[in-house]
N, C-alpha and C. Protein backbone atom coordinates (compact mmCIF):
# COMPACT_ATOMS: atom_id res chain seq x y z
N UNK A 1 93.70 102.46 50.57
CA UNK A 1 94.71 103.48 50.46
C UNK A 1 95.78 103.16 51.38
N UNK A 2 96.98 103.16 50.90
CA UNK A 2 98.21 102.98 51.73
C UNK A 2 98.96 104.15 51.88
N UNK A 3 99.33 104.48 53.09
CA UNK A 3 100.18 105.57 53.52
C UNK A 3 101.53 105.04 54.07
N UNK A 4 102.56 105.94 53.90
CA UNK A 4 103.84 105.61 54.45
C UNK A 4 104.55 106.85 54.87
N UNK A 5 105.54 106.59 55.71
CA UNK A 5 106.46 107.70 56.05
C UNK A 5 107.81 106.94 56.08
N UNK A 6 108.88 107.89 55.88
CA UNK A 6 110.29 107.50 55.87
C UNK A 6 111.25 108.44 56.32
N UNK A 7 112.06 108.28 57.13
CA UNK A 7 113.14 109.17 57.69
C UNK A 7 114.33 108.68 56.88
N UNK A 8 114.82 109.35 55.91
CA UNK A 8 115.87 108.88 55.00
C UNK A 8 116.97 109.85 54.87
N UNK A 9 118.29 109.50 54.95
CA UNK A 9 119.21 110.53 54.66
C UNK A 9 119.75 110.24 53.21
N UNK A 10 120.35 111.24 52.68
CA UNK A 10 120.96 111.04 51.43
C UNK A 10 120.09 110.77 50.10
N UNK A 11 118.84 111.45 50.23
CA UNK A 11 117.91 111.19 49.20
C UNK A 11 118.28 111.82 47.83
N UNK A 12 119.32 112.60 47.80
CA UNK A 12 119.82 113.12 46.61
C UNK A 12 120.53 111.96 45.77
N UNK A 13 120.79 110.84 46.30
CA UNK A 13 121.46 109.74 45.56
C UNK A 13 120.28 108.99 44.73
N UNK A 14 120.50 108.94 43.54
CA UNK A 14 119.46 108.36 42.61
C UNK A 14 119.08 106.91 43.01
N UNK A 15 119.98 106.13 43.52
CA UNK A 15 119.65 104.82 44.09
C UNK A 15 118.55 104.88 45.13
N UNK A 16 118.78 105.71 46.11
CA UNK A 16 117.69 105.86 47.24
C UNK A 16 116.45 106.32 46.68
N UNK A 17 116.40 107.18 45.61
CA UNK A 17 115.12 107.65 44.99
C UNK A 17 114.53 106.57 44.38
N UNK A 18 115.31 105.66 43.71
CA UNK A 18 114.66 104.56 43.01
C UNK A 18 114.11 103.56 44.02
N UNK A 19 114.72 103.32 45.16
CA UNK A 19 114.14 102.49 46.30
C UNK A 19 112.81 103.04 46.73
N UNK A 20 112.65 104.24 46.97
CA UNK A 20 111.38 104.90 47.33
C UNK A 20 110.34 104.59 46.19
N UNK A 21 110.74 104.82 44.90
CA UNK A 21 109.80 104.56 43.89
C UNK A 21 109.35 103.12 43.93
N UNK A 22 110.31 102.17 44.08
CA UNK A 22 110.03 100.73 44.17
C UNK A 22 108.97 100.60 45.24
N UNK A 23 109.22 101.20 46.46
CA UNK A 23 108.31 100.97 47.60
C UNK A 23 106.92 101.42 47.25
N UNK A 24 106.80 102.53 46.51
CA UNK A 24 105.57 103.14 46.24
C UNK A 24 104.83 102.14 45.35
N UNK A 25 105.53 101.71 44.30
CA UNK A 25 104.85 100.74 43.36
C UNK A 25 104.57 99.36 44.09
N UNK A 26 105.42 98.77 44.71
CA UNK A 26 105.18 97.43 45.31
C UNK A 26 104.11 97.47 46.31
N UNK A 27 104.08 98.44 47.15
CA UNK A 27 103.03 98.52 48.30
C UNK A 27 101.81 99.22 47.89
N UNK A 28 101.80 99.83 46.67
CA UNK A 28 100.51 100.55 46.10
C UNK A 28 100.26 101.57 47.16
N UNK A 29 101.32 102.45 47.35
CA UNK A 29 101.27 103.60 48.30
C UNK A 29 100.66 104.78 47.46
N UNK A 30 99.66 105.49 48.15
CA UNK A 30 99.09 106.61 47.41
C UNK A 30 99.66 107.96 48.13
N UNK A 31 100.22 107.87 49.27
CA UNK A 31 100.73 109.01 49.98
C UNK A 31 101.94 108.56 50.74
N UNK A 32 103.03 109.46 50.54
CA UNK A 32 104.33 109.16 51.44
C UNK A 32 104.77 110.45 52.00
N UNK A 33 105.21 110.44 53.14
CA UNK A 33 105.80 111.52 53.85
C UNK A 33 107.28 111.23 54.13
N UNK A 34 108.19 112.02 53.68
CA UNK A 34 109.66 111.80 53.62
C UNK A 34 110.22 112.83 54.52
N UNK A 35 110.99 112.49 55.62
CA UNK A 35 111.81 113.48 56.48
C UNK A 35 113.35 113.32 56.35
N UNK A 36 113.98 114.33 56.72
CA UNK A 36 115.47 114.36 56.73
C UNK A 36 116.09 114.18 55.29
N UNK A 37 115.38 114.85 54.37
CA UNK A 37 115.73 114.44 53.00
C UNK A 37 116.90 115.29 52.43
N UNK A 38 116.90 116.57 52.78
CA UNK A 38 117.88 117.60 52.35
C UNK A 38 117.92 117.51 50.81
N UNK A 39 116.80 117.29 50.32
CA UNK A 39 116.71 117.13 48.76
C UNK A 39 116.74 118.31 47.95
N UNK A 40 117.44 118.29 46.89
CA UNK A 40 117.47 119.47 45.94
C UNK A 40 116.64 119.19 44.81
N UNK A 41 116.48 117.92 44.31
CA UNK A 41 115.59 117.72 43.23
C UNK A 41 114.92 116.33 43.37
N UNK A 42 113.57 116.49 43.20
CA UNK A 42 112.69 115.37 43.51
C UNK A 42 112.51 114.49 42.21
N UNK A 43 112.73 113.26 42.21
CA UNK A 43 112.55 112.42 41.14
C UNK A 43 112.11 111.01 41.46
N UNK A 44 111.16 110.90 42.27
CA UNK A 44 110.77 109.60 42.83
C UNK A 44 109.39 109.19 42.57
N UNK A 45 108.41 110.13 42.33
CA UNK A 45 106.99 109.77 42.09
C UNK A 45 106.59 110.40 40.90
N UNK A 46 106.89 109.87 39.75
CA UNK A 46 106.46 110.29 38.36
C UNK A 46 105.08 110.60 38.29
N UNK A 47 104.65 111.81 37.91
CA UNK A 47 103.29 112.07 37.93
C UNK A 47 102.48 112.48 39.22
N UNK A 48 103.13 112.41 40.25
CA UNK A 48 102.59 112.70 41.48
C UNK A 48 102.66 114.12 41.80
N UNK A 49 101.87 114.60 42.66
CA UNK A 49 102.00 115.96 43.26
C UNK A 49 102.89 115.86 44.54
N UNK A 50 103.39 117.00 44.88
CA UNK A 50 104.21 117.03 46.17
C UNK A 50 104.31 118.46 46.71
N UNK A 51 104.55 118.53 47.96
CA UNK A 51 104.82 119.78 48.65
C UNK A 51 106.02 119.56 49.54
N UNK A 52 106.74 120.58 49.74
CA UNK A 52 107.96 120.40 50.54
C UNK A 52 108.20 121.79 51.34
N UNK A 53 109.04 121.83 52.36
CA UNK A 53 109.33 122.98 53.16
C UNK A 53 110.81 123.52 52.83
N UNK A 54 111.31 123.37 51.63
CA UNK A 54 112.48 123.90 51.18
C UNK A 54 112.58 125.30 51.02
N UNK A 55 111.49 126.08 50.92
CA UNK A 55 111.64 127.54 50.75
C UNK A 55 112.19 128.19 52.08
N UNK A 56 112.30 127.44 53.16
CA UNK A 56 112.84 128.12 54.45
C UNK A 56 114.32 127.91 54.53
N UNK A 57 114.92 126.92 53.97
CA UNK A 57 116.38 126.68 54.05
C UNK A 57 117.12 126.43 52.69
N UNK A 58 116.42 126.36 51.66
CA UNK A 58 117.01 126.04 50.38
C UNK A 58 117.07 124.51 50.08
N UNK A 59 116.97 123.71 51.13
CA UNK A 59 116.85 122.29 50.79
C UNK A 59 115.52 121.80 51.70
N UNK A 60 114.86 120.85 51.08
CA UNK A 60 113.64 120.20 51.81
C UNK A 60 113.98 119.29 52.93
N UNK A 61 113.54 119.62 54.03
CA UNK A 61 113.66 118.54 55.07
C UNK A 61 112.50 117.65 55.24
N UNK A 62 111.27 118.10 54.69
CA UNK A 62 110.07 117.41 54.75
C UNK A 62 109.57 117.45 53.32
N UNK A 63 109.15 116.32 52.87
CA UNK A 63 108.34 116.36 51.54
C UNK A 63 107.21 115.34 51.66
N UNK A 64 105.95 115.88 51.31
CA UNK A 64 104.86 115.00 51.18
C UNK A 64 104.41 114.73 49.66
N UNK A 65 104.26 113.57 49.32
CA UNK A 65 104.01 113.22 47.89
C UNK A 65 102.86 112.34 47.88
N UNK A 66 101.88 112.68 47.00
CA UNK A 66 100.70 111.98 46.76
C UNK A 66 100.25 111.77 45.35
N UNK A 67 99.39 110.72 45.16
CA UNK A 67 98.79 110.43 43.85
C UNK A 67 97.50 111.15 43.70
N UNK A 68 97.52 112.23 42.91
CA UNK A 68 96.34 113.12 42.77
C UNK A 68 95.22 112.51 42.13
N UNK A 69 95.56 111.29 41.46
CA UNK A 69 94.30 110.45 40.88
C UNK A 69 93.37 109.89 41.92
N UNK A 70 94.04 109.64 43.19
CA UNK A 70 93.41 109.02 44.25
C UNK A 70 93.10 109.77 45.48
N UNK A 71 93.87 111.00 45.55
CA UNK A 71 93.67 111.72 46.74
C UNK A 71 93.63 113.23 46.49
N UNK A 72 92.79 113.99 47.23
CA UNK A 72 92.68 115.35 47.28
C UNK A 72 93.52 115.72 48.53
N UNK A 73 94.42 116.75 48.19
CA UNK A 73 95.26 117.25 49.38
C UNK A 73 95.15 118.67 49.47
N UNK A 74 94.99 119.30 50.65
CA UNK A 74 94.84 120.63 50.87
C UNK A 74 95.97 120.96 51.91
N UNK A 75 97.06 121.75 51.54
CA UNK A 75 98.04 122.00 52.59
C UNK A 75 97.65 123.25 53.41
N UNK A 76 97.58 122.94 54.78
CA UNK A 76 97.13 123.92 55.69
C UNK A 76 98.04 124.79 56.31
N UNK A 77 99.39 124.18 56.50
CA UNK A 77 100.42 124.93 57.17
C UNK A 77 101.78 124.29 56.71
N UNK A 78 102.72 125.15 56.32
CA UNK A 78 104.07 124.78 56.02
C UNK A 78 104.92 125.58 56.95
N UNK A 79 105.72 124.72 57.70
CA UNK A 79 106.69 125.42 58.72
C UNK A 79 108.00 124.83 58.56
N UNK A 80 109.16 125.42 58.93
CA UNK A 80 110.50 124.85 58.79
C UNK A 80 110.65 123.48 59.34
N UNK A 81 109.74 123.09 60.32
CA UNK A 81 109.91 121.79 60.95
C UNK A 81 108.57 120.93 60.84
N UNK A 82 107.75 121.41 60.13
CA UNK A 82 106.45 120.56 60.07
C UNK A 82 105.66 121.02 58.75
N UNK A 83 104.81 120.12 58.16
CA UNK A 83 103.93 120.26 57.11
C UNK A 83 102.50 119.73 57.60
N UNK A 84 101.47 120.44 57.52
CA UNK A 84 100.11 119.83 57.90
C UNK A 84 99.24 119.98 56.75
N UNK A 85 98.53 118.87 56.35
CA UNK A 85 97.68 118.85 55.24
C UNK A 85 96.43 118.13 55.59
N UNK A 86 95.30 118.43 54.98
CA UNK A 86 94.06 117.44 55.08
C UNK A 86 94.16 116.76 53.77
N UNK A 87 93.70 115.55 53.91
CA UNK A 87 93.63 114.58 52.90
C UNK A 87 92.21 113.95 52.65
N UNK A 88 91.73 113.90 51.49
CA UNK A 88 90.41 113.33 51.13
C UNK A 88 90.61 112.30 50.11
N UNK A 89 90.28 110.98 50.35
CA UNK A 89 90.19 109.86 49.50
C UNK A 89 89.12 110.00 48.51
N UNK A 90 89.44 110.16 47.29
CA UNK A 90 88.45 110.53 46.26
C UNK A 90 87.41 109.33 46.04
N UNK A 91 87.80 108.06 46.26
CA UNK A 91 86.92 107.03 46.06
C UNK A 91 86.05 106.78 47.37
N UNK A 92 86.58 106.78 48.65
CA UNK A 92 85.83 106.53 49.71
C UNK A 92 85.33 107.78 50.41
N UNK A 93 85.78 109.05 50.08
CA UNK A 93 85.45 110.19 50.66
C UNK A 93 85.72 110.16 52.15
N UNK A 94 86.64 109.43 52.64
CA UNK A 94 87.23 109.53 53.95
C UNK A 94 88.16 110.67 53.99
N UNK A 95 88.13 111.60 54.94
CA UNK A 95 89.13 112.61 55.11
C UNK A 95 89.79 112.57 56.54
N UNK A 96 90.95 113.09 56.51
CA UNK A 96 91.86 113.13 57.74
C UNK A 96 92.99 114.06 57.56
N UNK A 97 93.64 114.42 58.69
CA UNK A 97 94.69 115.39 58.65
C UNK A 97 96.03 114.53 58.96
N UNK A 98 97.13 115.21 58.33
CA UNK A 98 98.42 114.52 58.44
C UNK A 98 99.36 115.77 58.88
N UNK A 99 100.12 115.53 59.85
CA UNK A 99 101.24 116.48 60.18
C UNK A 99 102.57 115.64 60.10
N UNK A 100 103.43 116.00 59.20
CA UNK A 100 104.78 115.35 59.26
C UNK A 100 105.74 116.26 59.84
N UNK A 101 106.48 115.83 60.85
CA UNK A 101 107.43 116.71 61.73
C UNK A 101 108.91 116.13 61.47
N UNK A 102 109.69 117.15 61.32
CA UNK A 102 111.05 116.79 61.51
C UNK A 102 111.55 117.90 62.28
N UNK A 103 111.64 117.67 63.76
CA UNK A 103 111.96 118.67 64.80
C UNK A 103 113.34 118.98 64.84
N UNK A 104 113.70 120.20 65.08
CA UNK A 104 115.02 120.73 65.36
C UNK A 104 115.56 120.20 66.66
N UNK A 105 116.99 120.03 66.86
CA UNK A 105 117.47 119.75 68.00
C UNK A 105 117.70 120.97 68.89
N UNK A 106 117.60 122.20 68.41
CA UNK A 106 117.68 123.37 69.11
C UNK A 106 116.42 123.65 69.92
N UNK A 107 116.49 123.99 71.29
CA UNK A 107 115.50 124.23 72.16
C UNK A 107 114.56 125.39 71.71
N UNK A 108 115.20 126.36 71.30
CA UNK A 108 114.39 127.53 70.79
C UNK A 108 113.70 127.34 69.66
N UNK A 109 114.19 126.60 68.70
CA UNK A 109 113.59 126.32 67.48
C UNK A 109 112.41 125.32 67.78
N UNK A 110 112.68 124.42 68.70
CA UNK A 110 111.60 123.41 69.03
C UNK A 110 110.51 123.95 69.70
N UNK A 111 110.67 125.14 70.54
CA UNK A 111 109.49 125.93 71.00
C UNK A 111 108.69 126.52 69.95
N UNK A 112 109.38 127.04 68.93
CA UNK A 112 108.62 127.58 67.87
C UNK A 112 107.72 126.57 67.18
N UNK A 113 108.33 125.38 67.04
CA UNK A 113 107.47 124.27 66.30
C UNK A 113 106.18 124.03 67.33
N UNK A 114 106.29 123.89 68.59
CA UNK A 114 105.19 123.71 69.53
C UNK A 114 104.21 124.78 69.33
N UNK A 115 104.72 126.06 69.31
CA UNK A 115 103.77 127.21 69.30
C UNK A 115 103.05 127.13 68.05
N UNK A 116 103.64 126.74 66.95
CA UNK A 116 102.94 126.56 65.56
C UNK A 116 101.93 125.42 65.55
N UNK A 117 102.29 124.34 66.17
CA UNK A 117 101.30 123.23 66.28
C UNK A 117 100.13 123.50 67.13
N UNK A 118 100.39 124.21 68.27
CA UNK A 118 99.32 124.61 69.23
C UNK A 118 98.49 125.67 68.67
N UNK A 119 98.95 126.44 67.70
CA UNK A 119 98.27 127.54 67.06
C UNK A 119 97.24 127.19 66.03
N UNK A 120 97.38 125.73 65.67
CA UNK A 120 96.49 125.43 64.48
C UNK A 120 95.09 124.95 64.93
């Protein structure tokens, strides 16, 4: 099982989406967390499942994508600055937690992030 994260700007550009798709295929990635996306439409992992935090601001700052043929994923917490999930590999039955964070530069908002993380 290969996991990846990427902090990428301008993911609305079809070229950048195709680059992520190539990365997924070439590296045989089964899970990818993408930050700083400001994405309006996801078109990178055909047939995959995904979750995002776009409901807070209208654009997704964090997107988690996974191959549901290989992984079970249970979303535990979605926050404007973080998404936490549990992941179970269907083949090996190895389970673990993932938190993808894209923290705000604003001190008050950052405090809210830490309160949320400490409360889990």
